[in-house]
Amino acid sequence: MENHGTETNKRDGANTSIWQSALADHPASDYSDYQEVYDALIIGGGITGITTALLLQKQGKKCLLVEAKNLGFGTTGGTTAHLNTFLDTTYPEIDSAFSKEASSLMAKGAKKMIEMISTNIRELKIDADFEFKAAYLFSQNEKETEELQSILESSQTAGIEVSEVFENGVPIPFEHVLCFKNQAQFHPLKYITGLAKEFERLGGKIIEQTFIHSTELREDIHYAKSDKFTFKAKNIVYATHIPPGINILSLRNAPYRSYVLAVKLNSGEYPDSLAYDMQEPYHYFRSHEIDGQKYLIIGGADHKTGHEDPIKAFEDLESYARTYFDISQIDFRWSSQYYVPVDGLPYIGHLPGSDKGIFVATGFNGNGMILGSLSAVLLSDLILGKENPYEKLLSPSRLKPISGFTEFVKENADVAYHFVADRFGAEIIRSTGELANDEGKIVEFDGKKLALYKDDTGEITALNPVCTHAGCIVDWNPTEKTWDCPCHGGRFSITGKVLNGPPQKDLEVIPVNEIDSPKNVQKK
């Protein structure tokens, strides 16, 4: 198999998620199998890509799925895998920004996706720990209670089964609670592994460790190029959470990171439901059994990628968790990335400004498992030439000048601020010797900024810190050991390899002998 760099991470960060023990190596493939013209090339091996590939293959299409690293490497391997009929963009918000009809359509889609995942697991006999659960959304003050009442009314109007109750499923004080019936949870990597096996059984092809860096359309055939191979297809689907390169969707989606702990409780009593508070950012809870051990999974402390201190985010989340739960041990802690669309709904369909036959799905907010699955249904229908009720509503070319304009301006002003501000401000250090082991920093040497990392043995890696996507300065993430871009969410490994986000090129490596001298180095 082709290796894009030397890393063999199972996830897009140094922290191990609770799901990774289930991720087996995918067998190496013979590249000679991939020289034909495929009906669809799906780029990205998460839930969106694998579900899309399977749906098309089941309809008799010849599909090739190409993943830059390994299946489940991105957000699917870092999700907490809640399956909800209520969305992070609430039904009152959808009512206001779009219409009540749009809310009803999204509610119907969410319900259908839970049914589809459940059906896939049952029919394909996937051991994915699927369970239906009640989900509690609770308020803790008057303002939140008013918002909760609005959510109740709009959700019921949209066709969601929800009622007011007097418990919230977790030992946390509350003022008011809504209970959503027929929600669910599952093991995301077991699920996509099962889908991948069925895809291959039907004749689909999967290739990992292969990074597609460019595409070209010639005579209605797309030529997708990796470092060593070129693949040919009539259609291309970017199931990469955000499409690569400079395009309008990078400007209409804001990258965020969410933090998760998987903990053991002294009591041995674990919540038997899903639960969510209404803080900003909100916290979310559920339990899961892994290899015979039960865990409470707690998430929250979300912030824009590259904008806050990840160490403090984990500390805040742990402090919150210990306030309400008697924790005996924290076995897993990790973070994951998602994108928030400016007008609240995902962008699924033809990539604006691109060649014919290039499709994309992005802007899932915190509902990646549901909306990734919905994306697969919509994208496969578009490629098959079938009508789909979500095509117009979720079109990436839609314009929402009222609901989305303010957020569009706000997010892009933030990008512009970081593009300029991150180039200024420094304190002087005398040499790379002042970096601690296992530390990364943005420093300045001879008037040029560098991204420096010193490993546990004292070895230095130096990179050009200018993100290869749009020219912003990356920032060090000390918990995941990555370089994260605060503008559009591009993320790079310690050695500068693209991990995820819109960049298509690695960070430039700077020879260490050019920087470690008695001259001054300045630290950001």
Protein backbone atom coordinates (compact mmCIF):
# COMPACT_ATOMS: atom_id res chain seq x y z
CA MET A 1 0.00 0.00 0.00
CA GLU A 2 1.13 3.52 -0.70
CA ASN A 3 2.07 5.47 2.44
CA HIS A 4 1.49 9.21 2.50
CA GLY A 5 4.29 9.91 4.95
CA THR A 6 5.40 7.55 7.70
CA GLU A 7 2.66 7.95 10.32
CA THR A 8 0.43 4.95 11.03
CA ASN A 9 -1.97 6.68 13.44
CA LYS A 10 -5.40 5.08 13.70
CA ARG A 11 -6.90 8.52 14.39
CA ASP A 12 -6.23 12.12 13.48
CA GLY A 13 -4.63 12.87 16.84
CA ALA A 14 -2.35 11.43 19.50
CA ASN A 15 -5.14 10.61 21.96
CA THR A 16 -6.82 7.21 21.67
CA SER A 17 -10.60 7.16 21.49
CA ILE A 18 -12.64 4.48 23.22
CA TRP A 19 -13.57 2.94 19.84
CA GLN A 20 -10.14 2.27 18.41
CA SER A 21 -9.59 -1.18 19.89
CA ALA A 22 -12.19 -2.42 17.39
CA LEU A 23 -10.32 -1.05 14.37
CA ALA A 24 -8.54 -3.83 12.50
CA ASP A 25 -6.00 -3.26 9.75
CA HIS A 26 -7.55 -3.36 6.31
CA PRO A 27 -5.85 -5.85 3.96
CA ALA A 28 -3.36 -4.39 1.49
CA SER A 29 -4.71 -4.14 -2.04
CA ASP A 30 -3.36 -4.76 -5.52
CA TYR A 31 -3.23 -1.44 -7.38
CA SER A 32 -3.70 -3.21 -10.70
CA ASP A 33 -7.38 -3.51 -9.75
CA TYR A 34 -7.88 0.25 -9.89
CA GLN A 35 -7.12 1.17 -13.50
CA GLU A 36 -10.67 0.99 -14.86
CA VAL A 37 -13.14 3.88 -15.05
CA TYR A 38 -15.39 3.78 -11.98
CA ASP A 39 -18.93 5.10 -11.78
CA ALA A 40 -17.97 6.84 -8.54
CA LEU A 41 -14.78 7.56 -6.63
CA ILE A 42 -15.56 8.22 -2.97
CA ILE A 43 -12.79 10.07 -1.14
CA GLY A 44 -12.93 9.54 2.63
CA GLY A 45 -13.43 6.42 4.74
CA GLY A 46 -15.75 7.64 7.48
CA ILE A 47 -19.47 7.02 7.87
CA THR A 48 -20.40 9.36 5.01
CA GLY A 49 -18.01 7.82 2.49
CA ILE A 50 -18.57 4.18 3.35
CA THR A 51 -22.38 4.51 3.45
CA THR A 52 -22.39 6.37 0.11
CA ALA A 53 -20.15 3.74 -1.48
CA LEU A 54 -22.34 0.89 -0.23
CA LEU A 55 -25.60 2.48 -1.39
CA LEU A 56 -24.20 3.04 -4.89
CA GLN A 57 -22.64 -0.42 -5.09
CA LYS A 58 -25.97 -1.99 -4.09
CA GLN A 59 -27.55 -0.20 -7.07
CA GLY A 60 -25.12 -1.83 -9.49
CA LYS A 61 -22.56 0.97 -9.72
CA LYS A 62 -18.82 0.24 -9.75
CA CYS A 63 -17.28 2.20 -6.87
CA LEU A 64 -13.81 2.85 -5.50
CA LEU A 65 -13.32 4.27 -2.00
CA VAL A 66 -9.98 5.94 -1.32
CA GLU A 67 -8.92 6.96 2.20
CA ALA A 68 -5.84 9.07 2.96
CA LYS A 69 -5.08 7.14 6.15
CA ASN A 70 -7.28 4.31 7.45
CA LEU A 71 -11.04 3.75 7.73
CA GLY A 72 -12.48 5.76 10.60
CA PHE A 73 -9.35 7.93 10.86
CA GLY A 74 -11.23 11.23 11.08
CA THR A 75 -14.32 12.33 12.98
CA THR A 76 -16.07 8.95 12.75
CA GLY A 77 -13.31 7.53 14.94
CA GLY A 78 -13.71 10.35 17.44
CA THR A 79 -17.47 10.76 17.64
CA THR A 80 -19.46 9.80 20.73
CA ALA A 81 -22.01 8.17 18.38
CA HIS A 82 -25.28 9.60 19.64
CA LEU A 83 -28.16 9.06 17.21
CA ASN A 84 -30.73 11.82 17.69
CA THR A 85 -33.94 13.02 16.10
CA PHE A 86 -33.26 16.46 17.60
CA LEU A 87 -30.36 18.36 16.09
CA ASP A 88 -27.72 20.83 17.26
CA THR A 89 -29.49 23.38 15.08
CA THR A 90 -32.77 23.25 16.97
CA TYR A 91 -36.19 23.09 15.32
CA PRO A 92 -37.05 26.67 16.43
CA GLU A 93 -33.84 27.79 14.70
CA ILE A 94 -34.70 25.84 11.53
CA ASP A 95 -38.25 27.25 11.65
CA SER A 96 -36.83 30.77 11.76
CA ALA A 97 -33.99 30.43 9.27
CA PHE A 98 -35.82 28.21 6.77
CA SER A 99 -39.42 27.14 7.46
CA LYS A 100 -41.58 24.79 9.47
CA GLU A 101 -41.66 22.55 6.41
CA ALA A 102 -37.85 22.38 6.53
CA SER A 103 -38.01 21.38 10.21
CA SER A 104 -40.49 18.63 9.38
CA LEU A 105 -38.23 17.39 6.57
CA MET A 106 -35.13 17.33 8.80
CA ALA A 107 -37.07 15.57 11.57
CA LYS A 108 -38.30 12.93 9.13
CA GLY A 109 -34.75 12.47 7.81
CA ALA A 110 -33.28 12.03 11.28
CA LYS A 111 -35.85 9.35 12.13
CA LYS A 112 -35.24 7.55 8.85
CA MET A 113 -31.48 7.52 9.41
CA ILE A 114 -31.83 5.88 12.82
CA GLU A 115 -34.07 3.28 11.16
CA MET A 116 -31.56 2.81 8.31
CA ILE A 117 -28.61 2.31 10.67
CA SER A 118 -30.66 -0.11 12.77
CA THR A 119 -31.72 -2.03 9.64
CA ASN A 120 -28.17 -2.21 8.29
CA ILE A 121 -26.92 -3.60 11.59
CA ARG A 122 -29.68 -6.19 11.75
CA GLU A 123 -29.60 -7.32 8.10
CA LEU A 124 -25.80 -7.38 7.82
CA LYS A 125 -25.47 -8.95 11.29
CA ILE A 126 -23.01 -6.25 12.42
CA ASP A 127 -22.02 -6.48 16.09
CA ALA A 128 -22.18 -2.70 16.57
CA ASP A 129 -23.62 -2.47 20.12
CA PHE A 130 -26.75 -0.72 18.79
CA GLU A 131 -29.32 0.21 21.43
CA PHE A 132 -32.43 2.37 21.39
CA LYS A 133 -32.43 4.86 24.26
CA ALA A 134 -34.48 7.69 25.70
CA ALA A 135 -32.71 11.05 25.53
CA TYR A 136 -33.14 13.84 28.07
CA LEU A 137 -32.56 17.52 27.30
CA PHE A 138 -32.63 19.58 30.49
CA SER A 139 -32.56 23.23 31.52
CA GLN A 140 -30.96 24.67 34.63
CA ASN A 141 -32.20 28.28 34.68
CA GLU A 142 -35.13 30.40 33.56
CA LYS A 143 -33.59 31.42 30.23
CA GLU A 144 -32.83 27.82 29.31
CA THR A 145 -36.33 26.74 30.35
CA GLU A 146 -37.89 29.29 28.02
CA GLU A 147 -35.71 27.96 25.21
CA LEU A 148 -36.66 24.40 26.15
CA GLN A 149 -40.36 25.25 25.87
CA SER A 150 -39.77 26.63 22.39
CA ILE A 151 -37.88 23.46 21.44
CA LEU A 152 -40.78 21.33 22.75
CA GLU A 153 -43.37 23.14 20.65
CA SER A 154 -41.32 23.26 17.43
CA SER A 155 -40.18 19.65 17.80
CA GLN A 156 -43.74 18.41 18.21
CA THR A 157 -44.86 20.46 15.22
CA ALA A 158 -42.01 18.94 13.21
CA GLY A 159 -43.25 15.46 14.07
CA ILE A 160 -40.80 14.50 16.80
CA GLU A 161 -41.95 12.28 19.69
CA VAL A 162 -41.07 14.38 22.74
CA SER A 163 -42.69 15.11 26.09
CA GLU A 164 -42.08 16.92 29.38
CA VAL A 165 -40.85 14.67 32.18
CA PHE A 166 -39.53 14.93 35.73
CA GLU A 167 -36.17 13.13 35.47
CA ASN A 168 -33.04 13.73 33.39
CA GLY A 169 -31.20 10.41 33.60
CA VAL A 170 -28.08 11.83 35.28
CA PRO A 171 -27.28 13.06 38.83
CA ILE A 172 -27.25 16.72 37.78
CA PRO A 173 -29.70 19.37 39.10
CA PHE A 174 -32.28 20.56 36.59
CA GLU A 175 -35.19 22.93 36.29
CA HIS A 176 -37.07 21.39 33.40
CA VAL A 177 -36.64 18.30 31.18
CA LEU A 178 -37.75 17.06 27.77
CA CYS A 179 -37.65 13.37 26.90
CA PHE A 180 -37.10 12.33 23.27
CA LYS A 181 -38.15 8.74 22.62
CA ASN A 182 -36.52 6.27 20.19
CA GLN A 183 -33.07 7.78 20.16
CA ALA A 184 -30.10 5.44 19.88
CA GLN A 185 -26.39 4.79 20.31
CA PHE A 186 -23.89 2.43 18.68
CA HIS A 187 -20.21 1.62 18.14
CA PRO A 188 -19.21 3.74 15.12
CA LEU A 189 -16.10 1.82 14.03
CA LYS A 190 -17.75 -1.60 14.31
CA TYR A 191 -20.58 -0.20 12.20
CA ILE A 192 -18.49 1.24 9.37
CA THR A 193 -16.29 -1.88 9.35
CA GLY A 194 -19.42 -3.95 8.78
CA LEU A 195 -20.55 -1.65 5.97
CA ALA A 196 -17.09 -1.80 4.38
CA LYS A 197 -17.14 -5.61 4.38
CA GLU A 198 -20.51 -5.64 2.64
CA PHE A 199 -19.31 -3.04 0.12
CA GLU A 200 -16.34 -5.22 -0.78
CA ARG A 201 -18.49 -8.37 -0.88
CA LEU A 202 -20.58 -6.66 -3.55
CA GLY A 203 -17.47 -5.90 -5.61
CA GLY A 204 -16.55 -2.47 -4.29
CA LYS A 205 -12.88 -1.57 -3.91
CA ILE A 206 -11.21 0.14 -0.93
CA ILE A 207 -7.72 1.57 -0.86
CA GLU A 208 -6.16 3.18 2.22
CA GLN A 209 -3.01 5.23 2.89
CA THR A 210 -3.56 7.11 -0.37
CA PHE A 211 -3.97 10.88 -0.39
CA ILE A 212 -5.77 12.42 -3.39
CA HIS A 213 -4.15 15.81 -3.93
CA SER A 214 -5.82 16.98 -7.15
CA THR A 215 -8.48 16.15 -9.72
CA GLU A 216 -8.92 17.01 -13.39
CA LEU A 217 -11.88 16.56 -15.73
CA ARG A 218 -11.14 15.38 -19.29
CA GLU A 219 -13.90 14.30 -21.69
CA ASP A 220 -16.40 13.71 -18.84
CA ILE A 221 -13.96 11.54 -16.88
CA HIS A 222 -12.40 12.71 -13.61
CA TYR A 223 -8.73 11.92 -13.10
CA ALA A 224 -7.90 11.88 -9.38
CA LYS A 225 -4.19 11.99 -8.63
CA SER A 226 -2.32 10.68 -5.61
CA ASP A 227 1.46 10.71 -5.18
CA LYS A 228 1.88 7.53 -7.22
CA PHE A 229 -1.41 6.68 -8.92
CA THR A 230 -4.20 8.26 -10.94
CA PHE A 231 -7.75 6.95 -10.58
CA LYS A 232 -10.54 7.50 -13.13
CA ALA A 233 -14.23 7.98 -12.35
CA LYS A 234 -17.41 9.48 -13.78
CA ASN A 235 -18.30 11.03 -10.41
CA ILE A 236 -16.34 12.08 -7.34
CA VAL A 237 -17.68 12.36 -3.78
CA TYR A 238 -15.65 14.27 -1.22
CA ALA A 239 -16.68 12.58 2.04
CA THR A 240 -13.89 14.37 3.90
CA HIS A 241 -15.97 16.44 6.33
CA ILE A 242 -14.93 19.62 4.51
CA PRO A 243 -14.02 19.70 0.82
CA PRO A 244 -10.36 20.35 -0.05
CA GLY A 245 -8.94 23.54 -1.49
CA ILE A 246 -10.21 27.12 -1.58
CA ASN A 247 -13.96 27.19 -2.13
CA ILE A 248 -17.10 28.83 -0.78
CA LEU A 249 -17.77 26.03 1.72
CA SER A 250 -14.57 26.81 3.64
CA LEU A 251 -16.08 30.25 4.19
CA ARG A 252 -19.53 28.98 5.16
CA ASN A 253 -18.40 26.49 7.82
CA ALA A 254 -16.55 27.13 11.09
CA PRO A 255 -14.29 24.37 12.46
CA TYR A 256 -14.78 23.34 16.11
CA ARG A 257 -13.24 20.79 18.45
CA SER A 258 -15.17 18.89 21.09
CA TYR A 259 -13.61 17.09 24.07
CA VAL A 260 -14.52 13.70 25.50
CA LEU A 261 -13.75 11.63 28.61
CA ALA A 262 -14.57 7.94 29.08
CA VAL A 263 -14.61 7.22 32.82
CA LYS A 264 -15.22 4.44 35.32
CA LEU A 265 -17.52 5.16 38.25
CA ASN A 266 -16.92 3.94 41.79
CA SER A 267 -20.59 3.07 42.21
CA GLY A 268 -20.71 0.80 39.18
CA GLU A 269 -24.05 2.46 38.38
CA TYR A 270 -24.08 3.99 34.89
CA PRO A 271 -26.78 6.13 33.25
CA ASP A 272 -29.08 4.10 30.99
CA SER A 273 -30.02 6.99 28.71
CA LEU A 274 -28.63 9.81 26.65
CA ALA A 275 -28.56 13.23 28.31
CA TYR A 276 -27.72 16.82 27.37
CA ASP A 277 -27.61 20.06 29.30
CA MET A 278 -28.20 23.45 27.64
CA GLN A 279 -25.05 25.25 28.62
CA GLU A 280 -22.96 27.01 25.97
CA PRO A 281 -21.13 24.88 25.00
CA TYR A 282 -23.38 22.05 26.14
CA HIS A 283 -22.35 18.79 27.82
CA TYR A 284 -23.50 15.39 26.61
CA PHE A 285 -23.60 12.01 28.35
CA ARG A 286 -24.08 8.32 27.67
CA SER A 287 -22.74 4.92 28.73
CA HIS A 288 -21.09 2.18 26.69
CA GLU A 289 -19.58 -1.21 27.45
CA ILE A 290 -16.21 -2.01 25.88
CA ASP A 291 -14.67 -5.47 26.33
CA GLY A 292 -16.86 -6.16 29.36
CA GLN A 293 -16.14 -2.82 31.08
CA LYS A 294 -18.80 -0.14 31.35
CA TYR A 295 -17.86 3.50 30.84
CA LEU A 296 -19.59 6.83 31.24
CA ILE A 297 -18.80 8.96 28.19
CA ILE A 298 -18.93 12.71 28.83
CA GLY A 299 -18.33 15.35 26.17
CA GLY A 300 -18.23 19.13 25.96
CA ALA A 301 -15.91 22.15 26.37
CA ASP A 302 -16.18 22.79 22.62
CA HIS A 303 -14.32 25.69 21.03
CA LYS A 304 -13.22 26.85 17.60
CA THR A 305 -10.24 24.92 16.30
CA GLY A 306 -6.95 26.59 17.16
CA HIS A 307 -8.61 29.30 19.30
CA GLU A 308 -8.46 28.04 22.89
CA ASP A 309 -6.10 26.01 25.07
CA PRO A 310 -6.91 22.29 24.62
CA ILE A 311 -5.30 21.46 27.97
CA LYS A 312 -7.67 23.85 29.74
CA ALA A 313 -10.62 22.39 27.80
CA PHE A 314 -9.84 18.92 29.14
CA GLU A 315 -9.33 20.34 32.65
CA ASP A 316 -12.69 22.14 32.52
CA LEU A 317 -14.46 19.02 31.30
CA GLU A 318 -12.87 16.87 34.00
CA SER A 319 -13.75 19.40 36.69
CA TYR A 320 -17.36 19.44 35.49
CA ALA A 321 -17.50 15.62 35.40
CA ARG A 322 -16.08 15.23 38.90
CA THR A 323 -18.59 17.73 40.26
CA TYR A 324 -21.47 15.35 39.54
CA PHE A 325 -19.96 11.86 39.24
CA ASP A 326 -17.82 9.79 41.64
CA ILE A 327 -15.09 8.92 39.15
CA SER A 328 -12.64 6.17 39.96
CA GLN A 329 -10.57 6.40 36.79
CA ILE A 330 -10.37 8.23 33.47
CA ASP A 331 -9.34 5.63 30.90
CA PHE A 332 -9.78 7.64 27.71
CA ARG A 333 -9.65 11.31 26.77
CA TRP A 334 -9.73 12.59 23.22
CA SER A 335 -11.02 15.40 21.04
CA SER A 336 -12.64 15.48 17.64
CA GLN A 337 -13.44 18.00 14.92
CA TYR A 338 -16.74 19.09 13.39
CA TYR A 339 -17.93 21.98 11.23
CA VAL A 340 -20.74 24.41 12.02
CA PRO A 341 -22.62 25.78 8.96
CA VAL A 342 -23.40 29.49 8.99
CA ASP A 343 -27.14 29.02 8.38
CA GLY A 344 -27.59 25.91 10.51
CA LEU A 345 -28.12 23.11 7.98
CA PRO A 346 -25.54 20.91 6.24
CA TYR A 347 -24.34 21.44 2.69
CA ILE A 348 -24.90 18.29 0.62
CA GLY A 349 -24.75 18.10 -3.15
CA HIS A 350 -22.73 19.41 -6.06
CA LEU A 351 -19.62 21.33 -4.98
CA PRO A 352 -20.16 24.97 -6.05
CA GLY A 353 -17.66 26.20 -8.62
CA SER A 354 -16.33 22.72 -9.36
CA ASP A 355 -16.48 20.49 -12.42
CA LYS A 356 -19.67 18.58 -13.16
CA GLY A 357 -19.96 15.37 -11.18
CA ILE A 358 -18.10 16.47 -8.04
CA PHE A 359 -20.17 16.15 -4.88
CA VAL A 360 -19.63 17.12 -1.25
CA ALA A 361 -21.18 16.79 2.21
CA THR A 362 -20.21 19.07 5.07
CA GLY A 363 -21.54 21.23 7.91
CA PHE A 364 -22.85 18.43 10.11
CA ASN A 365 -22.43 20.36 13.38
CA GLY A 366 -22.51 17.81 16.23
CA ASN A 367 -24.78 15.36 14.38
CA GLY A 368 -22.26 13.63 12.14
CA MET A 369 -23.61 10.09 12.40
CA ILE A 370 -27.14 11.13 11.42
CA LEU A 371 -26.21 13.74 8.83
CA GLY A 372 -23.37 11.68 7.39
CA SER A 373 -25.88 8.91 6.77
CA LEU A 374 -28.43 11.34 5.32
CA SER A 375 -25.68 12.71 3.06
CA ALA A 376 -25.05 9.23 1.71
CA VAL A 377 -28.70 8.79 0.77
CA LEU A 378 -28.90 12.20 -0.92
CA LEU A 379 -25.57 11.92 -2.75
CA SER A 380 -26.26 8.42 -4.01
CA ASP A 381 -29.65 9.58 -5.32
CA LEU A 382 -28.03 12.54 -7.12
CA ILE A 383 -25.49 10.25 -8.78
CA LEU A 384 -28.21 7.74 -9.71
CA GLY A 385 -30.37 10.53 -11.16
CA LYS A 386 -33.16 10.01 -8.63
CA GLU A 387 -35.28 12.75 -7.10
CA ASN A 388 -34.63 13.44 -3.43
CA PRO A 389 -36.70 15.72 -1.18
CA TYR A 390 -33.54 17.14 0.46
CA GLU A 391 -31.79 18.21 -2.74
CA LYS A 392 -32.97 21.84 -2.77
CA LEU A 393 -33.04 22.40 1.00
CA LEU A 394 -29.48 21.18 1.57
CA SER A 395 -27.93 22.34 -1.70
CA PRO A 396 -24.41 23.75 -1.18
CA SER A 397 -25.33 26.49 -3.67
CA ARG A 398 -28.24 27.79 -1.60
CA LEU A 399 -28.20 31.39 -0.46
CA LYS A 400 -29.71 32.43 2.86
CA PRO A 401 -29.01 36.18 2.96
CA ILE A 402 -31.03 36.81 6.12
CA SER A 403 -30.33 33.85 8.38
CA GLY A 404 -26.79 33.14 7.29
CA PHE A 405 -25.37 36.53 6.42
CA THR A 406 -24.53 37.71 9.94
CA GLU A 407 -22.72 34.47 10.81
CA PHE A 408 -21.01 34.48 7.40
CA VAL A 409 -19.59 37.95 8.05
CA LYS A 410 -18.66 37.09 11.64
CA GLU A 411 -16.79 33.90 10.75
CA ASN A 412 -14.87 35.45 7.88
CA ALA A 413 -13.97 38.52 9.93
CA ASP A 414 -12.54 36.08 12.45
CA VAL A 415 -10.52 34.38 9.70
CA ALA A 416 -9.20 37.76 8.54
CA TYR A 417 -8.26 38.68 12.12
CA HIS A 418 -6.20 35.53 12.58
CA PHE A 419 -4.61 35.91 9.17
CA VAL A 420 -3.20 39.28 10.29
CA ALA A 421 -2.91 39.07 14.09
CA ASP A 422 -1.06 35.76 14.26
CA ARG A 423 1.83 37.32 12.36
CA PHE A 424 2.64 39.72 15.19
CA GLY A 425 3.68 39.54 18.84
CA ALA A 426 6.70 37.65 20.13
CA GLU A 427 9.05 37.25 23.05
CA ILE A 428 12.69 36.42 22.54
CA ILE A 429 14.27 33.08 23.37
CA ARG A 430 17.91 32.46 22.64
CA SER A 431 17.80 28.98 21.04
CA THR A 432 15.78 25.86 20.49
CA GLY A 433 17.34 24.60 23.71
CA GLU A 434 14.70 26.58 25.57
CA LEU A 435 11.94 24.33 24.22
CA ALA A 436 11.00 21.59 26.65
CA ASN A 437 10.86 17.99 25.47
CA ASP A 438 7.51 17.10 23.89
CA GLU A 439 6.73 20.79 23.30
CA GLY A 440 5.64 22.64 20.18
CA LYS A 441 5.75 26.39 19.62
CA ILE A 442 5.50 29.00 16.92
CA VAL A 443 8.82 30.87 17.01
CA GLU A 444 10.55 33.50 14.94
CA PHE A 445 14.04 33.13 13.54
CA ASP A 446 15.80 35.72 11.36
CA GLY A 447 12.44 37.41 10.75
CA LYS A 448 10.71 34.19 9.68
CA LYS A 449 8.14 32.29 11.67
CA LEU A 450 8.69 28.57 12.30
CA ALA A 451 6.63 25.77 13.81
CA LEU A 452 9.06 23.91 16.08
CA TYR A 453 8.51 20.66 17.94
CA LYS A 454 10.98 18.92 20.27
CA ASP A 455 10.28 15.25 20.93
CA ASP A 456 10.98 13.25 24.08
CA THR A 457 14.56 12.60 22.98
CA GLY A 458 15.27 16.27 22.25
CA GLU A 459 15.09 15.94 18.46
CA ILE A 460 13.72 19.05 16.71
CA THR A 461 11.26 19.11 13.80
CA ALA A 462 10.90 22.47 12.06
CA LEU A 463 8.10 23.44 9.68
CA ASN A 464 6.89 26.48 7.83
CA PRO A 465 3.85 27.44 9.98
CA VAL A 466 1.88 28.96 7.08
CA CYS A 467 -1.14 26.74 6.41
CA THR A 468 -1.03 25.50 2.82
CA HIS A 469 -4.78 26.11 2.47
CA ALA A 470 -5.23 29.88 2.77
CA GLY A 471 -2.04 31.18 4.37
CA CYS A 472 -3.02 31.48 8.04
CA ILE A 473 -0.54 30.59 10.82
CA VAL A 474 -1.09 27.20 12.46
CA ASP A 475 -1.15 26.75 16.24
CA TRP A 476 0.22 23.90 18.38
CA ASN A 477 -2.30 21.49 19.91
CA PRO A 478 -0.42 19.97 22.89
CA THR A 479 -3.04 17.31 23.64
CA GLU A 480 -3.42 15.78 20.18
CA LYS A 481 0.18 16.66 19.14
CA THR A 482 -0.95 18.40 15.97
CA TRP A 483 -0.60 21.77 14.23
CA ASP A 484 -4.11 23.22 13.87
CA CYS A 485 -5.15 26.12 11.66
CA PRO A 486 -7.48 28.62 13.42
CA CYS A 487 -8.97 29.85 10.14
CA HIS A 488 -10.49 26.88 8.30
CA GLY A 489 -9.57 23.90 10.50
CA GLY A 490 -6.71 22.38 8.55
CA ARG A 491 -4.70 20.04 10.78
CA PHE A 492 -1.20 18.67 10.33
CA SER A 493 0.92 16.05 12.07
CA ILE A 494 4.15 16.76 13.96
CA THR A 495 6.03 16.19 10.69
CA GLY A 496 3.70 18.44 8.72
CA LYS A 497 1.55 15.82 6.99
CA VAL A 498 -2.07 16.78 6.26
CA LEU A 499 -4.36 15.04 8.75
CA ASN A 500 -7.69 16.60 7.84
CA GLY A 501 -9.43 19.79 6.79
CA PRO A 502 -9.19 21.59 3.46
CA PRO A 503 -5.37 21.70 2.89
CA GLN A 504 -4.14 19.61 -0.02
CA LYS A 505 -0.41 20.05 0.61
CA ASP A 506 1.75 19.24 3.64
CA LEU A 507 3.52 21.95 5.62
CA GLU A 508 7.00 22.69 4.28
CA VAL A 509 9.77 20.97 6.27
CA ILE A 510 12.67 23.28 7.24
CA PRO A 511 16.10 21.64 7.66
CA VAL A 512 17.04 21.85 11.34
CA ASN A 513 20.64 22.87 10.59
CA GLU A 514 19.27 26.12 9.17
CA ILE A 515 17.69 27.23 12.43
CA ASP A 516 19.67 26.06 15.48
CA SER A 517 22.31 28.70 15.86
CA PRO A 518 23.29 31.26 18.49
CA LYS A 519 21.03 33.82 16.79
CA ASN A 520 17.89 34.85 18.55
CA VAL A 521 14.67 32.95 18.18
CA GLN A 522 11.38 34.61 19.13
CA LYS A 523 8.44 32.76 20.61
CA LYS A 524 4.81 33.52 19.77
